[in-house]
Amino acid sequence: MKTLPEKTIERLSEYRRTLHRCLDEGKTHIFSHELAGMHNITAVQVRRDIMFIGYASQGRKGYSIKELIGVIAGIMDPADVLNVAVVGYGNLGRAISAYLINKRPKLKIAATFDIDPKKIGATSSIVECFSVDRLREIIASRDITLALLTVPADAAQQMAKALISSGIKGILNFTTVNLSVPNETYLEEYDMITSLEKVAYFVKTAQRSSQLL
């Protein structure tokens, strides 16, 4: 199969979470318009995404939830477990580590890194925390290929460079710095401030519109 567009991958991931929730609630089948309603998109978009991955509905019953989860997993999940590192074990790093533990069997938080001696080797750590001085060693020994970056902004670019030189192939950046990485390194940047400002803007716009009515 050809590489899917980024937006399609994002929606498939969101569909899968919703489908798991529906399965937990005892639902066995779902129609495209139901799934669309849960994600505030059109049924046409849902059908297009699902056709894109080669799955078809079962007529009057709609999509088999269990089968569709399996098809999405076959498209998105790696064949083998991919090990992940969280770099920067402050409040955000700890929260992310706790949230991601056992969320996906094919994605494993294998190590965390920090510069604070109090965090390194602490028994209270959710995942074992190492000094950033051991970055290359631990990444190699634990076969880590993905990294979540939660360091202070002024250290982000330098740390990204160190991660890439240590063998990291993909970075999810939670800092406020736009990173520069080689073309062969996949980078996803998540800026909470921008997202919050976007929400605030649309709330403000909606409030102005309601005042004019």
N, C-alpha and C. Protein backbone atom coordinates (compact mmCIF):
# COMPACT_ATOMS: atom_id res chain seq x y z
N MET A 1 0.84 -1.19 0.00
CA MET A 1 0.00 0.00 0.00
C MET A 1 0.87 1.24 0.00
N LYS A 2 0.42 2.29 -0.72
CA LYS A 2 1.15 3.55 -0.74
C LYS A 2 1.10 4.21 0.63
N THR A 3 2.07 5.09 0.87
CA THR A 3 2.07 5.84 2.11
C THR A 3 0.82 6.71 2.18
N LEU A 4 0.11 6.61 3.29
CA LEU A 4 -1.13 7.37 3.45
C LEU A 4 -0.82 8.82 3.83
N PRO A 5 -1.70 9.75 3.47
CA PRO A 5 -1.53 11.15 3.88
C PRO A 5 -1.55 11.28 5.40
N GLU A 6 -0.85 12.29 5.91
CA GLU A 6 -0.76 12.49 7.35
C GLU A 6 -2.14 12.66 7.99
N LYS A 7 -3.00 13.44 7.35
CA LYS A 7 -4.33 13.68 7.92
C LYS A 7 -5.16 12.40 7.99
N THR A 8 -4.97 11.52 7.01
CA THR A 8 -5.67 10.24 7.03
C THR A 8 -5.20 9.39 8.20
N ILE A 9 -3.90 9.35 8.42
CA ILE A 9 -3.34 8.61 9.55
C ILE A 9 -3.88 9.16 10.87
N GLU A 10 -3.96 10.48 10.97
CA GLU A 10 -4.49 11.09 12.20
C GLU A 10 -5.93 10.66 12.44
N ARG A 11 -6.74 10.70 11.38
CA ARG A 11 -8.15 10.31 11.54
C ARG A 11 -8.29 8.83 11.86
N LEU A 12 -7.48 7.98 11.24
CA LEU A 12 -7.55 6.55 11.53
C LEU A 12 -7.23 6.27 12.99
N SER A 13 -6.25 6.98 13.53
CA SER A 13 -5.91 6.82 14.94
C SER A 13 -7.08 7.23 15.82
N GLU A 14 -7.73 8.34 15.45
CA GLU A 14 -8.89 8.81 16.21
C GLU A 14 -10.06 7.83 16.08
N TYR A 15 -10.27 7.30 14.88
CA TYR A 15 -11.34 6.31 14.69
C TYR A 15 -11.10 5.11 15.61
N ARG A 16 -9.86 4.64 15.64
CA ARG A 16 -9.57 3.44 16.42
C ARG A 16 -9.89 3.64 17.90
N ARG A 17 -9.53 4.80 18.45
CA ARG A 17 -9.85 5.06 19.86
C ARG A 17 -11.36 5.03 20.09
N THR A 18 -12.08 5.65 19.17
CA THR A 18 -13.54 5.66 19.28
C THR A 18 -14.12 4.25 19.15
N LEU A 19 -13.58 3.47 18.22
CA LEU A 19 -14.07 2.11 18.01
C LEU A 19 -13.82 1.23 19.23
N HIS A 20 -12.67 1.40 19.87
CA HIS A 20 -12.38 0.65 21.10
C HIS A 20 -13.41 1.00 22.18
N ARG A 21 -13.72 2.28 22.28
CA ARG A 21 -14.71 2.71 23.27
C ARG A 21 -16.08 2.11 22.98
N CYS A 22 -16.46 2.10 21.70
CA CYS A 22 -17.75 1.50 21.31
C CYS A 22 -17.77 0.01 21.61
N LEU A 23 -16.66 -0.66 21.37
CA LEU A 23 -16.56 -2.10 21.64
C LEU A 23 -16.72 -2.37 23.13
N ASP A 24 -16.09 -1.52 23.96
CA ASP A 24 -16.20 -1.66 25.41
C ASP A 24 -17.63 -1.47 25.88
N GLU A 25 -18.39 -0.69 25.13
CA GLU A 25 -19.79 -0.43 25.49
C GLU A 25 -20.73 -1.52 24.97
N GLY A 26 -20.16 -2.53 24.29
CA GLY A 26 -20.97 -3.65 23.81
C GLY A 26 -21.48 -3.52 22.39
N LYS A 27 -21.05 -2.49 21.69
CA LYS A 27 -21.48 -2.28 20.32
C LYS A 27 -20.64 -3.15 19.39
N THR A 28 -21.25 -3.77 18.39
CA THR A 28 -20.51 -4.67 17.49
C THR A 28 -20.34 -4.11 16.08
N HIS A 29 -21.26 -3.23 15.65
CA HIS A 29 -21.21 -2.65 14.31
C HIS A 29 -21.47 -1.16 14.38
N ILE A 30 -20.98 -0.46 13.38
CA ILE A 30 -21.17 0.99 13.36
C ILE A 30 -21.28 1.47 11.91
N PHE A 31 -22.12 2.47 11.69
CA PHE A 31 -22.27 3.06 10.36
C PHE A 31 -21.35 4.26 10.21
N SER A 32 -21.06 4.61 8.96
CA SER A 32 -20.15 5.72 8.70
C SER A 32 -20.68 7.02 9.28
N HIS A 33 -22.00 7.22 9.20
CA HIS A 33 -22.56 8.49 9.71
C HIS A 33 -22.47 8.56 11.24
N GLU A 34 -22.50 7.39 11.91
CA GLU A 34 -22.34 7.39 13.37
C GLU A 34 -20.91 7.78 13.75
N LEU A 35 -19.95 7.17 13.06
CA LEU A 35 -18.54 7.48 13.32
C LEU A 35 -18.24 8.93 12.97
N ALA A 36 -18.84 9.40 11.88
CA ALA A 36 -18.63 10.79 11.46
C ALA A 36 -19.16 11.76 12.52
N GLY A 37 -20.32 11.45 13.08
CA GLY A 37 -20.91 12.31 14.09
C GLY A 37 -20.05 12.41 15.34
N MET A 38 -19.37 11.33 15.68
CA MET A 38 -18.51 11.33 16.87
C MET A 38 -17.24 12.14 16.65
N HIS A 39 -16.91 12.42 15.39
CA HIS A 39 -15.67 13.15 15.08
C HIS A 39 -15.93 14.48 14.38
N ASN A 40 -17.19 14.87 14.29
CA ASN A 40 -17.55 16.16 13.69
C ASN A 40 -17.01 16.32 12.27
N ILE A 41 -17.12 15.25 11.49
CA ILE A 41 -16.74 15.28 10.08
C ILE A 41 -17.88 14.66 9.28
N THR A 42 -17.74 14.60 7.97
CA THR A 42 -18.81 14.05 7.14
C THR A 42 -18.69 12.53 7.01
N ALA A 43 -19.81 11.90 6.75
CA ALA A 43 -19.82 10.46 6.52
C ALA A 43 -19.03 10.12 5.26
N VAL A 44 -19.04 11.04 4.29
CA VAL A 44 -18.26 10.83 3.06
C VAL A 44 -16.78 10.72 3.38
N GLN A 45 -16.29 11.57 4.28
CA GLN A 45 -14.88 11.52 4.67
C GLN A 45 -14.54 10.20 5.35
N VAL A 46 -15.42 9.74 6.23
CA VAL A 46 -15.20 8.47 6.92
C VAL A 46 -15.14 7.33 5.91
N ARG A 47 -16.10 7.29 5.00
CA ARG A 47 -16.13 6.21 4.01
C ARG A 47 -14.88 6.26 3.11
N ARG A 48 -14.45 7.47 2.76
CA ARG A 48 -13.26 7.61 1.92
C ARG A 48 -12.02 7.07 2.65
N ASP A 49 -11.88 7.42 3.93
CA ASP A 49 -10.73 6.95 4.71
C ASP A 49 -10.72 5.43 4.81
N ILE A 50 -11.89 4.85 5.07
CA ILE A 50 -11.98 3.41 5.27
C ILE A 50 -11.80 2.65 3.95
N MET A 51 -12.33 3.21 2.87
CA MET A 51 -12.09 2.60 1.56
C MET A 51 -10.61 2.67 1.19
N PHE A 52 -9.95 3.74 1.64
CA PHE A 52 -8.53 3.94 1.37
C PHE A 52 -7.69 2.79 1.92
N ILE A 53 -8.15 2.20 3.04
CA ILE A 53 -7.39 1.11 3.65
C ILE A 53 -7.94 -0.27 3.25
N GLY A 54 -8.87 -0.26 2.29
CA GLY A 54 -9.31 -1.52 1.72
C GLY A 54 -10.35 -2.28 2.51
N TYR A 55 -11.16 -1.59 3.30
CA TYR A 55 -12.19 -2.28 4.07
C TYR A 55 -13.57 -1.81 3.61
N ALA A 56 -14.54 -2.71 3.61
CA ALA A 56 -15.90 -2.38 3.17
C ALA A 56 -16.90 -2.73 4.26
N SER A 57 -18.00 -2.01 4.28
CA SER A 57 -19.04 -2.27 5.28
C SER A 57 -19.78 -3.56 4.93
N GLN A 58 -20.53 -4.06 5.90
CA GLN A 58 -21.29 -5.29 5.72
C GLN A 58 -22.76 -4.97 5.51
N GLY A 59 -23.02 -4.21 4.46
CA GLY A 59 -24.40 -3.90 4.09
C GLY A 59 -25.18 -3.20 5.17
N ARG A 60 -26.28 -3.79 5.56
CA ARG A 60 -27.19 -3.15 6.51
C ARG A 60 -26.63 -3.05 7.92
N LYS A 61 -25.65 -3.84 8.21
CA LYS A 61 -25.08 -3.83 9.56
C LYS A 61 -24.07 -2.71 9.77
N GLY A 62 -23.52 -2.17 8.69
CA GLY A 62 -22.46 -1.20 8.82
C GLY A 62 -21.11 -1.89 8.95
N TYR A 63 -20.16 -1.21 9.52
CA TYR A 63 -18.81 -1.78 9.68
C TYR A 63 -18.75 -2.65 10.93
N SER A 64 -18.08 -3.80 10.82
CA SER A 64 -17.79 -4.60 12.00
C SER A 64 -16.70 -3.88 12.80
N ILE A 65 -17.00 -3.50 14.01
CA ILE A 65 -16.06 -2.71 14.82
C ILE A 65 -14.78 -3.49 15.07
N LYS A 66 -14.93 -4.76 15.43
CA LYS A 66 -13.75 -5.57 15.74
C LYS A 66 -12.86 -5.73 14.51
N GLU A 67 -13.47 -6.00 13.36
CA GLU A 67 -12.69 -6.17 12.13
C GLU A 67 -12.03 -4.86 11.71
N LEU A 68 -12.74 -3.76 11.84
CA LEU A 68 -12.19 -2.47 11.44
C LEU A 68 -11.01 -2.08 12.32
N ILE A 69 -11.11 -2.36 13.61
CA ILE A 69 -9.97 -2.11 14.51
C ILE A 69 -8.76 -2.90 14.04
N GLY A 70 -9.00 -4.16 13.66
CA GLY A 70 -7.90 -5.02 13.20
C GLY A 70 -7.27 -4.51 11.92
N VAL A 71 -8.11 -4.02 10.99
CA VAL A 71 -7.60 -3.49 9.72
C VAL A 71 -6.76 -2.24 9.97
N ILE A 72 -7.26 -1.34 10.83
CA ILE A 72 -6.51 -0.13 11.14
C ILE A 72 -5.18 -0.47 11.82
N ALA A 73 -5.22 -1.45 12.72
CA ALA A 73 -3.99 -1.88 13.39
C ALA A 73 -2.98 -2.42 12.38
N GLY A 74 -3.48 -3.19 11.40
CA GLY A 74 -2.59 -3.75 10.39
C GLY A 74 -1.94 -2.69 9.53
N ILE A 75 -2.64 -1.57 9.33
CA ILE A 75 -2.10 -0.47 8.54
C ILE A 75 -1.13 0.38 9.36
N MET A 76 -1.51 0.69 10.60
CA MET A 76 -0.77 1.69 11.37
C MET A 76 0.33 1.12 12.27
N ASP A 77 0.10 -0.04 12.83
CA ASP A 77 1.03 -0.54 13.84
C ASP A 77 2.26 -1.19 13.21
N PRO A 78 3.43 -1.01 13.82
CA PRO A 78 4.64 -1.68 13.32
C PRO A 78 4.55 -3.17 13.53
N ALA A 79 5.30 -3.92 12.74
CA ALA A 79 5.30 -5.38 12.88
C ALA A 79 5.87 -5.79 14.22
N ASP A 80 6.90 -5.10 14.65
CA ASP A 80 7.52 -5.38 15.95
C ASP A 80 7.35 -4.18 16.86
N VAL A 81 7.57 -4.39 18.15
CA VAL A 81 7.44 -3.30 19.12
C VAL A 81 8.49 -2.23 18.83
N LEU A 82 8.05 -0.96 18.82
CA LEU A 82 8.97 0.16 18.70
C LEU A 82 9.18 0.77 20.08
N ASN A 83 10.43 0.92 20.47
CA ASN A 83 10.75 1.48 21.77
C ASN A 83 10.86 2.99 21.70
N VAL A 84 10.34 3.64 22.74
CA VAL A 84 10.22 5.10 22.78
C VAL A 84 10.95 5.63 24.00
N ALA A 85 11.59 6.79 23.84
CA ALA A 85 12.22 7.48 24.97
C ALA A 85 11.51 8.80 25.21
N VAL A 86 11.37 9.16 26.48
CA VAL A 86 10.87 10.49 26.85
C VAL A 86 12.07 11.28 27.35
N VAL A 87 12.38 12.37 26.67
CA VAL A 87 13.57 13.16 27.00
C VAL A 87 13.13 14.46 27.64
N GLY A 88 13.44 14.59 28.93
CA GLY A 88 12.94 15.69 29.76
C GLY A 88 11.89 15.13 30.69
N TYR A 89 12.30 14.80 31.94
CA TYR A 89 11.40 14.09 32.84
C TYR A 89 10.86 15.01 33.93
N GLY A 90 10.38 16.18 33.48
CA GLY A 90 9.71 17.10 34.39
C GLY A 90 8.24 16.73 34.51
N ASN A 91 7.42 17.70 34.89
CA ASN A 91 6.00 17.43 35.08
C ASN A 91 5.34 16.89 33.81
N LEU A 92 5.64 17.53 32.67
CA LEU A 92 5.03 17.10 31.41
C LEU A 92 5.54 15.72 31.00
N GLY A 93 6.85 15.51 31.12
CA GLY A 93 7.43 14.21 30.76
C GLY A 93 6.87 13.07 31.58
N ARG A 94 6.72 13.31 32.89
CA ARG A 94 6.15 12.27 33.76
C ARG A 94 4.69 12.00 33.42
N ALA A 95 3.94 13.07 33.17
CA ALA A 95 2.52 12.90 32.83
C ALA A 95 2.35 12.13 31.54
N ILE A 96 3.16 12.45 30.54
CA ILE A 96 3.08 11.74 29.25
C ILE A 96 3.46 10.28 29.43
N SER A 97 4.52 10.02 30.19
CA SER A 97 4.96 8.64 30.42
C SER A 97 3.87 7.83 31.09
N ALA A 98 3.24 8.42 32.11
CA ALA A 98 2.17 7.72 32.83
C ALA A 98 0.99 7.44 31.92
N TYR A 99 0.66 8.40 31.07
CA TYR A 99 -0.49 8.25 30.18
C TYR A 99 -0.25 7.16 29.13
N LEU A 100 0.97 7.09 28.61
CA LEU A 100 1.25 6.19 27.49
C LEU A 100 1.55 4.75 27.89
N ILE A 101 1.83 4.52 29.16
CA ILE A 101 2.13 3.16 29.60
C ILE A 101 0.97 2.23 29.25
N ASN A 102 1.29 1.19 28.48
CA ASN A 102 0.33 0.14 28.10
C ASN A 102 -0.83 0.63 27.23
N LYS A 103 -0.72 1.83 26.64
CA LYS A 103 -1.78 2.31 25.76
C LYS A 103 -1.78 1.57 24.42
N ARG A 104 -0.59 1.28 23.90
CA ARG A 104 -0.45 0.58 22.63
C ARG A 104 0.61 -0.50 22.78
N PRO A 105 0.28 -1.77 22.54
CA PRO A 105 1.24 -2.86 22.75
C PRO A 105 2.47 -2.78 21.85
N LYS A 106 2.35 -2.08 20.71
CA LYS A 106 3.48 -2.01 19.78
C LYS A 106 4.33 -0.75 19.99
N LEU A 107 3.98 0.07 20.98
CA LEU A 107 4.76 1.26 21.31
C LEU A 107 5.07 1.23 22.80
N LYS A 108 6.34 1.10 23.13
CA LYS A 108 6.74 0.90 24.52
C LYS A 108 7.66 2.03 25.00
N ILE A 109 7.29 2.66 26.11
CA ILE A 109 8.18 3.64 26.74
C ILE A 109 9.30 2.86 27.40
N ALA A 110 10.49 2.91 26.80
CA ALA A 110 11.60 2.06 27.24
C ALA A 110 12.58 2.77 28.16
N ALA A 111 12.59 4.10 28.15
CA ALA A 111 13.53 4.85 28.98
C ALA A 111 13.12 6.31 29.01
N THR A 112 13.54 7.00 30.08
CA THR A 112 13.39 8.46 30.15
C THR A 112 14.77 9.04 30.45
N PHE A 113 14.93 10.32 30.13
CA PHE A 113 16.22 10.99 30.33
C PHE A 113 16.02 12.37 30.94
N ASP A 114 16.99 12.77 31.79
CA ASP A 114 16.95 14.09 32.39
C ASP A 114 18.36 14.48 32.85
N ILE A 115 18.50 15.75 33.23
CA ILE A 115 19.81 16.21 33.75
C ILE A 115 19.79 16.35 35.27
N ASP A 116 18.62 16.24 35.88
CA ASP A 116 18.47 16.42 37.33
C ASP A 116 18.89 15.15 38.06
N PRO A 117 19.95 15.21 38.89
CA PRO A 117 20.41 14.01 39.62
C PRO A 117 19.33 13.39 40.50
N LYS A 118 18.37 14.21 40.98
CA LYS A 118 17.32 13.69 41.84
C LYS A 118 16.35 12.77 41.09
N LYS A 119 16.25 12.97 39.79
CA LYS A 119 15.34 12.17 38.99
C LYS A 119 16.01 10.92 38.43
N ILE A 120 17.30 11.00 38.21
CA ILE A 120 18.04 9.90 37.59
C ILE A 120 18.11 8.72 38.55
N GLY A 121 17.58 7.59 38.14
CA GLY A 121 17.61 6.38 38.97
C GLY A 121 16.62 6.36 40.11
N ALA A 122 15.74 7.35 40.20
CA ALA A 122 14.77 7.41 41.30
C ALA A 122 13.81 6.24 41.23
N THR A 123 13.55 5.62 42.36
CA THR A 123 12.67 4.45 42.40
C THR A 123 11.21 4.84 42.16
N SER A 124 10.89 6.13 42.34
CA SER A 124 9.52 6.58 42.14
C SER A 124 9.19 6.82 40.67
N SER A 125 10.20 6.72 39.79
CA SER A 125 9.97 6.96 38.37
C SER A 125 9.05 5.91 37.77
N ILE A 126 8.15 6.34 36.91
CA ILE A 126 7.24 5.42 36.22
C ILE A 126 8.04 4.51 35.30
N VAL A 127 9.02 5.12 34.61
CA VAL A 127 9.95 4.40 33.74
C VAL A 127 11.35 4.79 34.18
N GLU A 128 12.30 3.88 34.07
CA GLU A 128 13.65 4.14 34.52
C GLU A 128 14.21 5.41 33.87
N CYS A 129 14.77 6.30 34.69
CA CYS A 129 15.29 7.58 34.23
C CYS A 129 16.81 7.57 34.23
N PHE A 130 17.40 7.95 33.10
CA PHE A 130 18.86 7.97 32.95
C PHE A 130 19.35 9.39 32.72
N SER A 131 20.64 9.59 32.97
CA SER A 131 21.28 10.85 32.66
C SER A 131 21.36 11.02 31.14
N VAL A 132 21.20 12.26 30.67
CA VAL A 132 21.32 12.50 29.23
C VAL A 132 22.74 12.19 28.74
N ASP A 133 23.69 12.12 29.66
CA ASP A 133 25.05 11.76 29.27
C ASP A 133 25.12 10.32 28.74
N ARG A 134 24.12 9.51 29.06
CA ARG A 134 24.10 8.12 28.61
C ARG A 134 23.14 7.91 27.43
N LEU A 135 22.78 9.01 26.79
CA LEU A 135 21.79 8.97 25.71
C LEU A 135 22.14 7.94 24.64
N ARG A 136 23.32 8.07 24.06
CA ARG A 136 23.71 7.17 22.97
C ARG A 136 23.76 5.71 23.43
N GLU A 137 24.30 5.49 24.62
CA GLU A 137 24.43 4.12 25.15
C GLU A 137 23.08 3.45 25.34
N ILE A 138 22.15 4.15 26.01
CA ILE A 138 20.84 3.56 26.32
C ILE A 138 19.99 3.40 25.07
N ILE A 139 20.05 4.38 24.19
CA ILE A 139 19.28 4.28 22.94
C ILE A 139 19.73 3.07 22.13
N ALA A 140 21.03 2.82 22.10
CA ALA A 140 21.55 1.67 21.36
C ALA A 140 21.21 0.36 22.06
N SER A 141 21.41 0.30 23.38
CA SER A 141 21.23 -0.96 24.10
C SER A 141 19.76 -1.37 24.19
N ARG A 142 18.85 -0.39 24.18
CA ARG A 142 17.42 -0.69 24.29
C ARG A 142 16.70 -0.55 22.95
N ASP A 143 17.48 -0.36 21.90
CA ASP A 143 16.93 -0.30 20.54
C ASP A 143 15.78 0.70 20.44
N ILE A 144 16.03 1.91 20.89
CA ILE A 144 15.01 2.97 20.90
C ILE A 144 15.08 3.73 19.57
N THR A 145 13.94 3.91 18.93
CA THR A 145 13.93 4.60 17.64
C THR A 145 13.08 5.88 17.63
N LEU A 146 12.21 6.04 18.64
CA LEU A 146 11.34 7.21 18.71
C LEU A 146 11.61 7.97 20.00
N ALA A 147 11.44 9.30 19.95
CA ALA A 147 11.65 10.11 21.15
C ALA A 147 10.57 11.16 21.29
N LEU A 148 10.12 11.37 22.52
CA LEU A 148 9.22 12.46 22.85
C LEU A 148 10.05 13.51 23.57
N LEU A 149 10.05 14.73 23.05
CA LEU A 149 10.93 15.77 23.56
C LEU A 149 10.14 16.76 24.40
N THR A 150 10.47 16.82 25.71
CA THR A 150 9.77 17.71 26.64
C THR A 150 10.75 18.54 27.46
N VAL A 151 11.89 18.88 26.85
CA VAL A 151 12.91 19.67 27.55
C VAL A 151 12.58 21.15 27.46
N PRO A 152 13.27 22.00 28.26
CA PRO A 152 13.09 23.45 28.12
C PRO A 152 13.42 23.91 26.70
N ALA A 153 12.78 24.99 26.27
CA ALA A 153 12.90 25.47 24.89
C ALA A 153 14.35 25.73 24.49
N ASP A 154 15.15 26.28 25.40
CA ASP A 154 16.52 26.65 25.03
C ASP A 154 17.43 25.43 24.82
N ALA A 155 16.95 24.25 25.22
CA ALA A 155 17.76 23.04 25.05
C ALA A 155 17.22 22.14 23.94
N ALA A 156 16.10 22.53 23.33
CA ALA A 156 15.39 21.65 22.41
C ALA A 156 16.19 21.29 21.16
N GLN A 157 16.74 22.28 20.46
CA GLN A 157 17.44 22.00 19.21
C GLN A 157 18.71 21.17 19.45
N GLN A 158 19.45 21.50 20.49
CA GLN A 158 20.65 20.74 20.81
C GLN A 158 20.31 19.30 21.17
N MET A 159 19.24 19.12 21.93
CA MET A 159 18.85 17.77 22.32
C MET A 159 18.35 16.98 21.11
N ALA A 160 17.63 17.63 20.22
CA ALA A 160 17.16 16.95 19.00
C ALA A 160 18.36 16.47 18.19
N LYS A 161 19.37 17.30 18.08
CA LYS A 161 20.58 16.92 17.34
C LYS A 161 21.25 15.72 17.99
N ALA A 162 21.31 15.71 19.33
CA ALA A 162 21.92 14.59 20.06
C ALA A 162 21.11 13.32 19.86
N LEU A 163 19.80 13.42 19.86
CA LEU A 163 18.94 12.25 19.66
C LEU A 163 19.14 11.65 18.28
N ILE A 164 19.18 12.51 17.28
CA ILE A 164 19.34 12.03 15.90
C ILE A 164 20.71 11.37 15.71
N SER A 165 21.74 11.96 16.26
CA SER A 165 23.08 11.37 16.14
C SER A 165 23.20 10.07 16.91
N SER A 166 22.28 9.85 17.88
CA SER A 166 22.27 8.62 18.67
C SER A 166 21.42 7.52 18.04
N GLY A 167 20.76 7.84 16.91
CA GLY A 167 20.01 6.81 16.20
C GLY A 167 18.51 6.97 16.19
N ILE A 168 17.98 8.05 16.76
CA ILE A 168 16.53 8.27 16.79
C ILE A 168 16.04 8.61 15.38
N LYS A 169 14.93 7.97 14.97
CA LYS A 169 14.39 8.15 13.62
C LYS A 169 13.16 9.04 13.57
N GLY A 170 12.50 9.24 14.71
CA GLY A 170 11.30 10.06 14.75
C GLY A 170 11.19 10.79 16.07
N ILE A 171 10.76 12.06 16.01
CA ILE A 171 10.67 12.89 17.21
C ILE A 171 9.28 13.52 17.27
N LEU A 172 8.65 13.41 18.45
CA LEU A 172 7.43 14.16 18.75
C LEU A 172 7.84 15.29 19.68
N ASN A 173 7.76 16.51 19.17
CA ASN A 173 8.28 17.69 19.86
C ASN A 173 7.18 18.41 20.62
N PHE A 174 7.28 18.43 21.96
CA PHE A 174 6.32 19.14 22.79
C PHE A 174 6.84 20.50 23.24
N THR A 175 8.02 20.90 22.78
CA THR A 175 8.55 22.20 23.16
C THR A 175 7.96 23.28 22.26
N THR A 176 8.25 24.54 22.60
CA THR A 176 7.73 25.66 21.82
C THR A 176 8.68 26.09 20.71
N VAL A 177 9.73 25.32 20.50
CA VAL A 177 10.72 25.64 19.47
C VAL A 177 10.46 24.80 18.22
N ASN A 178 10.44 25.44 17.05
CA ASN A 178 10.33 24.71 15.79
C ASN A 178 11.70 24.11 15.46
N LEU A 179 11.79 22.81 15.47
CA LEU A 179 13.07 22.14 15.30
C LEU A 179 13.48 22.02 13.83
N SER A 180 14.77 21.98 13.63
CA SER A 180 15.34 21.71 12.32
C SER A 180 15.96 20.32 12.36
N VAL A 181 15.46 19.41 11.51
CA VAL A 181 15.96 18.03 11.50
C VAL A 181 16.22 17.61 10.06
N PRO A 182 17.05 16.57 9.85
CA PRO A 182 17.28 16.06 8.49
C PRO A 182 16.00 15.50 7.88
N ASN A 183 15.96 15.44 6.57
CA ASN A 183 14.77 14.94 5.87
C ASN A 183 14.41 13.52 6.26
N GLU A 184 15.41 12.70 6.59
CA GLU A 184 15.14 11.30 6.91
C GLU A 184 14.59 11.11 8.32
N THR A 185 14.57 12.15 9.13
CA THR A 185 14.00 12.08 10.48
C THR A 185 12.57 12.62 10.44
N TYR A 186 11.62 11.81 10.89
CA TYR A 186 10.23 12.28 10.89
C TYR A 186 9.99 13.11 12.14
N LEU A 187 9.47 14.31 11.94
CA LEU A 187 9.22 15.25 13.04
C LEU A 187 7.76 15.63 13.10
N GLU A 188 7.18 15.50 14.29
CA GLU A 188 5.82 15.97 14.54
C GLU A 188 5.91 16.97 15.69
N GLU A 189 5.38 18.18 15.47
CA GLU A 189 5.49 19.22 16.49
C GLU A 189 4.11 19.55 17.05
N TYR A 190 4.02 19.51 18.37
CA TYR A 190 2.76 19.80 19.03
C TYR A 190 2.95 21.00 19.95
N ASP A 191 2.33 22.10 19.61
CA ASP A 191 2.47 23.33 20.37
C ASP A 191 1.17 23.61 21.11
N MET A 192 1.17 23.38 22.42
CA MET A 192 -0.04 23.55 23.23
C MET A 192 -0.47 25.01 23.28
N ILE A 193 0.50 25.93 23.27
CA ILE A 193 0.16 27.35 23.34
C ILE A 193 -0.60 27.77 22.09
N THR A 194 -0.10 27.35 20.93
CA THR A 194 -0.80 27.67 19.68
C THR A 194 -2.20 27.09 19.66
N SER A 195 -2.33 25.85 20.10
CA SER A 195 -3.65 25.21 20.14
C SER A 195 -4.60 25.94 21.08
N LEU A 196 -4.09 26.35 22.24
CA LEU A 196 -4.92 27.07 23.21
C LEU A 196 -5.32 28.44 22.66
N GLU A 197 -4.38 29.13 22.01
CA GLU A 197 -4.69 30.44 21.42
C GLU A 197 -5.73 30.31 20.30
N LYS A 198 -5.66 29.22 19.54
CA LYS A 198 -6.63 29.00 18.48
C LYS A 198 -8.03 28.82 19.07
N VAL A 199 -8.13 28.02 20.14
CA VAL A 199 -9.41 27.82 20.80
C VAL A 199 -9.94 29.15 21.34
N ALA A 200 -9.05 29.92 21.98
CA ALA A 200 -9.44 31.21 22.55
C ALA A 200 -9.94 32.17 21.47
N TYR A 201 -9.28 32.15 20.31
CA TYR A 201 -9.69 33.02 19.21
C TYR A 201 -11.12 32.71 18.76
N PHE A 202 -11.41 31.42 18.58
CA PHE A 202 -12.73 31.05 18.09
C PHE A 202 -13.81 31.27 19.16
N VAL A 203 -13.45 31.14 20.43
CA VAL A 203 -14.40 31.46 21.49
C VAL A 203 -14.71 32.95 21.46
N LYS A 204 -13.66 33.76 21.31
CA LYS A 204 -13.84 35.21 21.24
C LYS A 204 -14.71 35.59 20.03
N THR A 205 -14.44 34.95 18.88
CA THR A 205 -15.21 35.24 17.67
C THR A 205 -16.68 34.88 17.85
N ALA A 206 -16.92 33.73 18.48
CA ALA A 206 -18.30 33.29 18.72
C ALA A 206 -19.02 34.25 19.66
N GLN A 207 -18.30 34.74 20.68
CA GLN A 207 -18.90 35.68 21.63
C GLN A 207 -19.27 37.00 20.95
N ARG A 208 -18.41 37.47 20.05
CA ARG A 208 -18.70 38.70 19.32
C ARG A 208 -19.91 38.53 18.42
N SER A 209 -19.98 37.37 17.77
CA SER A 209 -21.11 37.11 16.88
C SER A 209 -22.43 37.09 17.65
N SER A 210 -22.40 36.46 18.84
CA SER A 210 -23.63 36.37 19.64
C SER A 210 -24.07 37.74 20.15
N GLN A 211 -23.10 38.63 20.38
CA GLN A 211 -23.43 39.98 20.85
C GLN A 211 -24.09 40.82 19.78
N LEU A 212 -23.81 40.47 18.50
CA LEU A 212 -24.37 41.23 17.39
C LEU A 212 -25.78 40.78 17.03
N LEU A 213 -26.19 39.62 17.56
CA LEU A 213 -27.53 39.11 17.24
C LEU A 213 -28.62 39.82 18.04
